[in-house]
Protein backbone atom coordinates (compact mmCIF):
# COMPACT_ATOMS: atom_id res chain seq x y z
CA MET A 1 17.71 6.61 -8.84
CA LYS A 2 15.58 9.39 -7.35
CA THR A 3 12.32 9.36 -5.44
CA ALA A 4 10.85 11.54 -8.19
CA ASP A 5 11.34 8.62 -10.58
CA PHE A 6 8.41 6.94 -8.81
CA ASP A 7 6.02 9.87 -9.06
CA TYR A 8 2.93 10.02 -11.24
CA ASN A 9 -0.11 12.25 -11.49
CA LEU A 10 -3.40 10.88 -10.18
CA PRO A 11 -6.50 13.10 -10.25
CA ILE A 12 -8.56 12.70 -7.11
CA GLU A 13 -11.51 11.17 -8.96
CA TYR A 14 -9.48 7.99 -9.56
CA ILE A 15 -9.18 7.26 -5.81
CA ALA A 16 -11.78 4.66 -4.85
CA GLN A 17 -13.85 5.79 -1.87
CA THR A 18 -15.95 2.65 -1.44
CA PRO A 19 -15.38 -1.04 -2.23
CA VAL A 20 -17.15 -2.70 -5.14
CA GLU A 21 -19.75 -5.39 -4.56
CA PRO A 22 -19.21 -8.26 -4.71
CA ARG A 23 -15.53 -8.28 -3.84
CA ASP A 24 -14.42 -10.20 -6.93
CA ALA A 25 -16.24 -7.81 -9.30
CA SER A 26 -13.28 -5.43 -9.19
CA ARG A 27 -11.29 -5.01 -12.38
CA LEU A 28 -7.98 -6.77 -12.98
CA LEU A 29 -5.13 -5.61 -15.19
CA VAL A 30 -2.92 -8.58 -16.12
CA LEU A 31 0.65 -7.46 -16.86
CA ASN A 32 3.19 -9.76 -18.50
CA ARG A 33 6.69 -8.70 -17.43
CA GLU A 34 8.43 -10.43 -20.33
CA THR A 35 6.30 -9.16 -23.21
CA GLY A 36 4.81 -6.01 -21.70
CA GLN A 37 1.37 -7.17 -22.77
CA MET A 38 -1.57 -5.84 -20.76
CA THR A 39 -4.96 -7.53 -20.58
CA HIS A 40 -8.13 -6.16 -19.01
CA THR A 41 -10.46 -8.51 -17.17
CA VAL A 42 -12.31 -8.81 -13.85
CA PHE A 43 -10.87 -10.30 -10.69
CA ARG A 44 -13.14 -13.32 -10.58
CA GLU A 45 -11.45 -14.47 -13.81
CA ILE A 46 -7.97 -14.57 -12.26
CA GLY A 47 -8.00 -18.37 -12.49
CA GLN A 48 -7.57 -18.11 -16.27
CA TYR A 49 -4.01 -16.90 -15.64
CA LEU A 50 -3.08 -19.42 -12.95
CA LYS A 51 -1.95 -23.04 -13.30
CA PRO A 52 -2.27 -26.26 -11.30
CA ASN A 53 0.33 -26.42 -8.50
CA ASP A 54 0.54 -22.62 -8.30
CA LEU A 55 0.56 -21.41 -4.70
CA LEU A 56 -1.22 -18.29 -3.44
CA VAL A 57 0.50 -16.80 -0.38
CA LEU A 58 -1.88 -14.62 1.65
CA ASN A 59 -1.52 -12.44 4.74
CA LYS A 60 -3.86 -13.49 7.58
CA THR A 61 -3.48 -10.28 9.59
CA ARG A 62 -6.64 -8.62 10.85
CA VAL A 63 -7.16 -4.87 11.18
CA ILE A 64 -7.81 -3.85 14.76
CA PRO A 65 -10.19 -1.00 15.69
CA ALA A 66 -7.10 1.12 16.26
CA ARG A 67 -8.62 4.62 16.38
CA VAL A 68 -9.69 5.50 19.93
CA PHE A 69 -10.79 8.73 21.58
CA GLY A 70 -10.21 10.09 25.03
CA ARG A 71 -9.49 13.10 27.20
CA LYS A 72 -6.47 14.67 28.83
CA VAL A 73 -6.12 14.30 32.57
CA PRO A 74 -6.94 16.47 34.46
CA THR A 75 -8.03 19.17 31.97
CA GLY A 76 -10.57 17.08 30.05
CA GLY A 77 -9.40 18.28 26.62
CA LYS A 78 -10.30 15.93 23.76
CA ILE A 79 -7.65 13.76 22.08
CA GLU A 80 -7.59 11.12 19.36
CA VAL A 81 -5.16 8.20 19.55
CA LEU A 82 -4.25 5.92 16.65
CA LEU A 83 -2.60 2.68 17.73
CA LEU A 84 0.31 1.90 15.42
CA ARG A 85 2.24 -0.95 17.00
CA LYS A 86 2.07 -2.92 20.22
CA GLU A 87 5.41 -2.85 22.04
CA ASP A 88 4.46 -4.99 25.04
CA GLU A 89 1.28 -5.99 26.88
CA VAL A 90 0.36 -2.41 27.84
CA THR A 91 2.64 -0.15 25.75
CA TRP A 92 1.83 1.08 22.24
CA LYS A 93 3.46 3.25 19.64
CA THR A 94 0.73 5.70 18.66
CA LEU A 95 -0.21 8.82 16.75
CA VAL A 96 -1.86 11.43 18.97
CA ARG A 97 -4.04 14.30 17.79
CA GLY A 98 -4.23 16.84 20.61
CA LYS A 99 -1.95 19.54 21.98
CA GLY A 100 0.33 19.30 24.96
CA MET A 101 0.76 15.52 25.04
CA VAL A 102 4.31 15.56 26.34
CA ALA A 103 6.14 12.89 28.34
CA GLY A 104 4.45 12.35 31.68
CA LYS A 105 1.04 13.59 30.49
CA ARG A 106 -1.89 11.40 31.54
CA LEU A 107 -4.95 10.52 29.45
CA LYS A 108 -8.15 8.55 29.81
CA LEU A 109 -9.72 6.71 26.89
CA ASP A 110 -13.47 6.80 26.36
CA SER A 111 -14.75 3.43 27.62
CA GLY A 112 -11.16 2.38 28.21
CA PRO A 113 -8.23 2.58 30.64
CA ASP A 114 -6.00 5.47 31.62
CA GLY A 115 -2.53 5.85 30.18
CA GLU A 116 0.63 7.92 30.30
CA VAL A 117 2.87 9.32 27.57
CA LEU A 118 6.27 7.72 28.09
CA GLU A 119 8.13 9.31 25.19
CA VAL A 120 7.65 11.89 22.45
CA LEU A 121 8.68 10.35 19.10
CA ASP A 122 8.78 11.87 15.60
CA GLY A 123 6.02 14.37 14.85
CA ALA A 124 2.73 13.34 16.43
CA GLN A 125 4.00 9.90 17.42
CA ARG A 126 3.97 9.03 21.09
CA LEU A 127 4.87 5.98 23.14
CA ILE A 128 2.00 5.42 25.57
CA ARG A 129 1.80 2.97 28.48
CA PHE A 130 -1.76 2.13 29.47
CA ASP A 131 -2.76 1.00 32.95
CA GLU A 132 -4.03 -2.32 31.60
CA PRO A 133 -4.17 -4.18 28.26
CA LEU A 134 -6.30 -2.47 25.60
CA GLU A 135 -7.57 -5.49 23.70
CA PRO A 136 -10.63 -6.17 25.90
CA TYR A 137 -11.82 -2.60 25.25
CA LEU A 138 -11.17 -2.20 21.53
CA ASP A 139 -14.32 -3.87 20.20
CA ARG A 140 -16.38 -1.42 22.24
CA ALA A 141 -14.23 1.72 22.22
CA GLY A 142 -12.23 1.44 18.99
CA HIS A 143 -12.96 2.41 15.40
CA VAL A 144 -11.47 0.88 12.25
CA PRO A 145 -8.94 3.38 10.83
CA LEU A 146 -9.35 3.96 7.12
CA PRO A 147 -6.47 5.40 5.05
CA PRO A 148 -6.34 9.22 4.99
CA TYR A 149 -7.37 9.42 1.32
CA ILE A 150 -10.74 7.72 1.99
CA HIS A 151 -13.35 10.27 3.04
CA VAL A 152 -16.58 8.26 2.73
CA PRO A 153 -17.65 6.41 5.90
CA LEU A 154 -17.55 2.63 5.57
CA LYS A 155 -20.99 1.10 6.09
CA ASP A 156 -19.66 -2.38 6.88
CA ALA A 157 -16.35 -2.56 8.77
CA ASN A 158 -15.82 -6.12 7.50
CA ARG A 159 -15.28 -4.75 3.99
CA TYR A 160 -11.92 -3.46 5.23
CA GLN A 161 -11.00 -7.01 6.26
CA THR A 162 -10.08 -9.92 4.01
CA VAL A 163 -12.41 -12.92 4.22
CA TYR A 164 -9.53 -14.89 5.76
CA ALA A 165 -8.38 -12.26 8.30
CA THR A 166 -7.52 -14.09 11.52
CA TYR A 167 -4.79 -12.55 13.67
CA PRO A 168 -5.46 -9.01 15.00
CA GLY A 169 -2.60 -6.54 14.81
CA SER A 170 -2.75 -4.29 11.74
CA ALA A 171 -3.56 -0.60 11.45
CA ALA A 172 -4.34 -1.14 7.75
CA ALA A 173 -5.64 -3.98 5.60
CA PRO A 174 -3.57 -6.07 3.14
CA THR A 175 -5.70 -4.65 0.37
CA ALA A 176 -4.73 -6.98 -2.49
CA GLY A 177 -6.54 -9.72 -0.58
CA LEU A 178 -9.81 -7.78 -0.34
CA HIS A 179 -10.81 -9.04 -3.82
CA PHE A 180 -11.04 -12.72 -2.87
CA THR A 181 -14.29 -14.45 -1.89
CA PRO A 182 -14.85 -17.95 -0.47
CA GLU A 183 -16.51 -18.94 -3.75
CA LEU A 184 -13.51 -17.78 -5.76
CA PHE A 185 -11.18 -19.75 -3.49
CA ASP A 186 -13.32 -22.84 -4.06
CA ARG A 187 -13.12 -22.45 -7.85
CA LEU A 188 -9.36 -21.97 -7.72
CA ALA A 189 -8.98 -25.05 -5.53
CA THR A 190 -10.76 -27.17 -8.16
CA GLN A 191 -8.08 -25.98 -10.61
CA GLY A 192 -5.36 -27.36 -8.35
CA ILE A 193 -4.28 -23.95 -7.05
CA ARG A 194 -3.17 -24.13 -3.43
CA ARG A 195 -3.06 -21.57 -0.61
CA ALA A 196 -0.60 -20.85 2.19
CA TYR A 197 -0.62 -18.09 4.78
CA ILE A 198 1.82 -15.72 6.42
CA THR A 199 1.20 -12.94 8.91
CA LEU A 200 2.52 -9.40 8.68
CA HIS A 201 1.00 -6.68 10.86
CA ILE A 202 0.78 -3.51 8.79
CA GLY A 203 1.58 -0.06 10.17
CA LEU A 204 0.35 3.23 8.75
CA ASP A 205 3.91 4.10 7.71
CA THR A 206 3.21 1.87 4.72
CA PHE A 207 1.15 4.73 3.22
CA ALA A 208 3.72 7.46 3.85
CA PRO A 209 5.46 8.86 0.76
CA VAL A 210 9.24 8.87 0.69
CA GLN A 211 10.33 12.43 1.50
CA VAL A 212 14.06 12.32 0.76
CA GLU A 213 15.39 12.87 -2.75
CA ASN A 214 17.40 9.65 -2.75
CA PRO A 215 15.26 6.64 -1.70
CA LEU A 216 18.40 4.87 -0.46
CA GLN A 217 18.47 7.45 2.35
CA HIS A 218 14.88 6.67 3.40
CA THR A 219 14.48 4.96 6.78
CA ILE A 220 12.14 2.06 6.06
CA HIS A 221 9.45 1.22 8.60
CA THR A 222 9.72 -2.09 10.42
CA GLU A 223 6.78 -4.48 10.65
CA TRP A 224 6.37 -7.72 12.58
CA CYS A 225 5.91 -10.78 10.40
CA GLN A 226 5.83 -14.55 10.65
CA ILE A 227 6.20 -17.49 8.29
CA SER A 228 5.40 -20.85 9.88
CA ALA A 229 7.09 -24.18 9.32
CA GLY A 230 4.05 -25.38 7.37
CA THR A 231 4.07 -22.40 5.02
CA ALA A 232 7.81 -22.58 4.52
CA GLU A 233 7.50 -26.26 3.64
CA VAL A 234 4.76 -25.75 1.05
CA VAL A 235 6.58 -22.78 -0.54
CA ASN A 236 9.76 -24.82 -0.89
CA ARG A 237 7.83 -27.83 -2.23
CA THR A 238 5.96 -25.68 -4.77
CA ARG A 239 9.21 -24.46 -6.25
CA GLN A 240 10.67 -27.98 -6.28
CA GLU A 241 7.62 -29.26 -8.16
CA GLY A 242 7.70 -26.48 -10.75
CA GLY A 243 4.79 -24.43 -9.46
CA ARG A 244 4.77 -20.66 -9.06
CA VAL A 245 4.78 -18.81 -5.75
CA ILE A 246 2.16 -16.07 -6.13
CA CYS A 247 2.25 -13.41 -3.44
CA VAL A 248 -1.07 -11.71 -2.76
CA GLY A 249 0.04 -8.21 -1.84
CA THR A 250 3.28 -6.47 -1.00
CA THR A 251 3.10 -7.71 2.59
CA SER A 252 3.38 -11.31 1.42
CA VAL A 253 6.29 -10.31 -0.82
CA ARG A 254 8.07 -8.61 2.08
CA THR A 255 7.56 -11.58 4.38
CA LEU A 256 8.73 -14.25 1.94
CA GLU A 257 11.74 -12.25 0.82
CA THR A 258 12.65 -11.63 4.46
CA ALA A 259 12.50 -15.37 5.11
CA ALA A 260 14.50 -16.03 1.95
CA ARG A 261 17.41 -13.96 3.30
CA ILE A 262 18.05 -16.52 6.06
CA SER A 263 17.21 -19.70 4.14
CA PRO A 264 19.92 -22.39 3.87
CA PRO A 265 21.16 -23.64 0.49
CA GLY A 266 18.58 -25.76 -1.31
CA GLN A 267 15.58 -24.01 0.24
CA VAL A 268 13.63 -21.00 -0.94
CA VAL A 269 12.48 -19.76 2.47
CA GLU A 270 13.08 -20.57 6.11
CA VAL A 271 10.84 -20.26 9.16
CA PHE A 272 10.88 -16.67 10.45
CA GLU A 273 9.25 -14.62 13.18
CA GLY A 274 10.19 -11.07 14.12
CA PRO A 275 10.55 -7.54 12.75
CA THR A 276 11.52 -6.96 9.14
CA ASP A 277 13.21 -3.86 7.80
CA LEU A 278 13.54 -5.15 4.24
CA PHE A 279 13.38 -2.27 1.73
CA ILE A 280 12.96 -3.54 -1.84
CA LEU A 281 14.13 -1.15 -4.55
CA PRO A 282 14.89 -1.64 -8.27
CA GLY A 283 17.98 -3.77 -8.55
CA TYR A 284 16.81 -6.17 -5.85
CA GLU A 285 17.09 -9.86 -6.77
CA PHE A 286 13.89 -11.68 -5.84
CA LYS A 287 14.49 -15.11 -4.36
CA ALA A 288 11.06 -16.43 -3.39
CA VAL A 289 8.39 -14.66 -5.47
CA ASP A 290 7.34 -15.57 -9.01
CA THR A 291 4.10 -13.60 -9.44
CA VAL A 292 2.36 -10.80 -7.56
CA VAL A 293 -1.27 -9.77 -7.08
CA THR A 294 -1.35 -6.13 -6.05
CA ASN A 295 -3.46 -3.00 -5.95
CA PHE A 296 -2.42 0.35 -7.43
CA HIS A 297 -0.15 2.23 -5.02
CA LEU A 298 0.48 5.83 -4.02
CA PRO A 299 3.10 7.90 -5.86
CA ARG A 300 6.56 8.01 -4.26
CA SER A 301 5.65 5.17 -1.88
CA THR A 302 7.87 2.25 -0.86
CA LEU A 303 5.14 -0.07 -2.20
CA LEU A 304 5.35 1.42 -5.70
CA MET A 305 9.13 1.08 -5.49
CA MET A 306 8.78 -2.60 -4.56
CA ILE A 307 6.47 -3.36 -7.49
CA SER A 308 8.80 -1.41 -9.78
CA ALA A 309 11.65 -3.61 -8.58
CA PHE A 310 9.60 -6.67 -9.51
CA ALA A 311 8.43 -5.62 -12.97
CA GLY A 312 10.57 -2.64 -13.95
CA ARG A 313 9.83 1.01 -13.19
CA GLU A 314 9.04 2.07 -16.76
CA LEU A 315 6.69 -0.87 -17.35
CA ILE A 316 4.84 -0.31 -14.07
CA LEU A 317 4.37 3.40 -14.72
CA LYS A 318 3.18 2.55 -18.24
CA ALA A 319 0.67 0.10 -16.74
CA TYR A 320 -0.53 2.79 -14.33
CA GLU A 321 -1.14 5.18 -17.23
CA GLU A 322 -3.05 2.45 -19.05
CA ALA A 323 -5.13 1.84 -15.92
CA LYS A 324 -5.97 5.54 -15.73
CA ARG A 325 -6.88 5.60 -19.41
CA ALA A 326 -9.21 2.64 -18.88
CA GLY A 327 -10.86 4.18 -15.81
CA TYR A 328 -9.51 1.87 -13.12
CA ARG A 329 -10.03 2.70 -9.45
CA PHE A 330 -6.88 3.25 -7.38
CA TYR A 331 -5.61 2.56 -3.85
CA SER A 332 -7.10 0.49 -1.00
CA PHE A 333 -10.67 0.03 -2.29
CA GLY A 334 -9.59 0.13 -5.94
CA ASP A 335 -8.87 -2.43 -8.63
CA ALA A 336 -5.98 -4.87 -8.91
CA MET A 337 -3.06 -5.98 -11.05
CA LEU A 338 -1.73 -9.46 -11.65
CA VAL A 339 1.96 -9.17 -12.52
CA LEU A 340 3.12 -12.34 -14.29
C-alpha cells in the first residue's frame, strides 16, 4: 500500500467555492458496497435509502472564529494567528504567519489580549500562552477560517456551521453534516429514523495530504472527542434491534470506532472522552459503523484512506470518477455520498 494509491486528478473547477441553497439541494451519490451500483439523486431524498430504526450519528462540534490578527511586541509588525487546539485555559497550539516569532516573542492581538510564544513546533506551528482566556474576545476579534482551497468570501458565516452545531472547538466544520436542514430531520423522524450525537473537535491537520510514501509511516493527527453514556446506549440498542448505525461524516466514524476499541464484550461502543489517534486504513475491521454519509475528500488525505477502508479503494476511486463525469462539486461546500 502506497500513498500514491489514494491519488486522483481533480481539475480546480470541480472544487466548490460556495455552498448550495438550500442546504439539502446538494447532489447525493448513493454507492452500494456489495453490488457497486451507483445512483444519482439529491440530498433531500436521502430518506429513500434509510429504514425505520436506523440511527444517524452526528458531530455537534461548532467552528470557532479561529483566525485572529495582531502585532508583534514591541516592533508592531503584523501577524496572523490560526488557533488549532486549546491546550489549557490560556494556551493554544497555533499556526502563525509572520517572521521572527521565536520562543519568548511577545504579541498583541487586535481587540484581544497579549501573548507569548512558548515553543516553536513543526513549520509555522507555535505554542502560545495568552495573558487571559481568548473565548470572550473571539466573537469580536476572530474570523471563521475556511479551508485553503476556498477562495470566495463566505457571505454568511453560519453556512460553515451545521444546523445542530453546539459545542465550540473546531477549526473546520464536519462538512457531511452541512447538507441537513431542520425540515429534513423532521421528515426523517416521521420515518422512524433516530439521531444521536458525538463531539469531535476538528483540527486543520485533517486537510493535510499524507507526505510519506508509505501511509503506515504517517503520524496521524490527534483530535479530542467524546461519546456520552446516552449516545453509547442508543448505538448499542440500535445494533441489538437490527437497525443500522449511520455515521454522518468521517469525524463520527473516528469517534465511534475509537469508542469501540475499549468496549466490553456484548457492546458495540463504550463511553469515551479524550484524544484519539485512530488512523483507519484499508484492512481495518469496522466494529461500530454500518453506513457512512460523507463528502468528497482531497487526494492523498487520511479521510480518503478512511472511506477507502470502508468501501474499498478501487470502488471509491471509481465512484469519484463517476462523480466527476456527472459534474459533482467536491470538498467542503460540495456534494455528498451515501455509502451503503
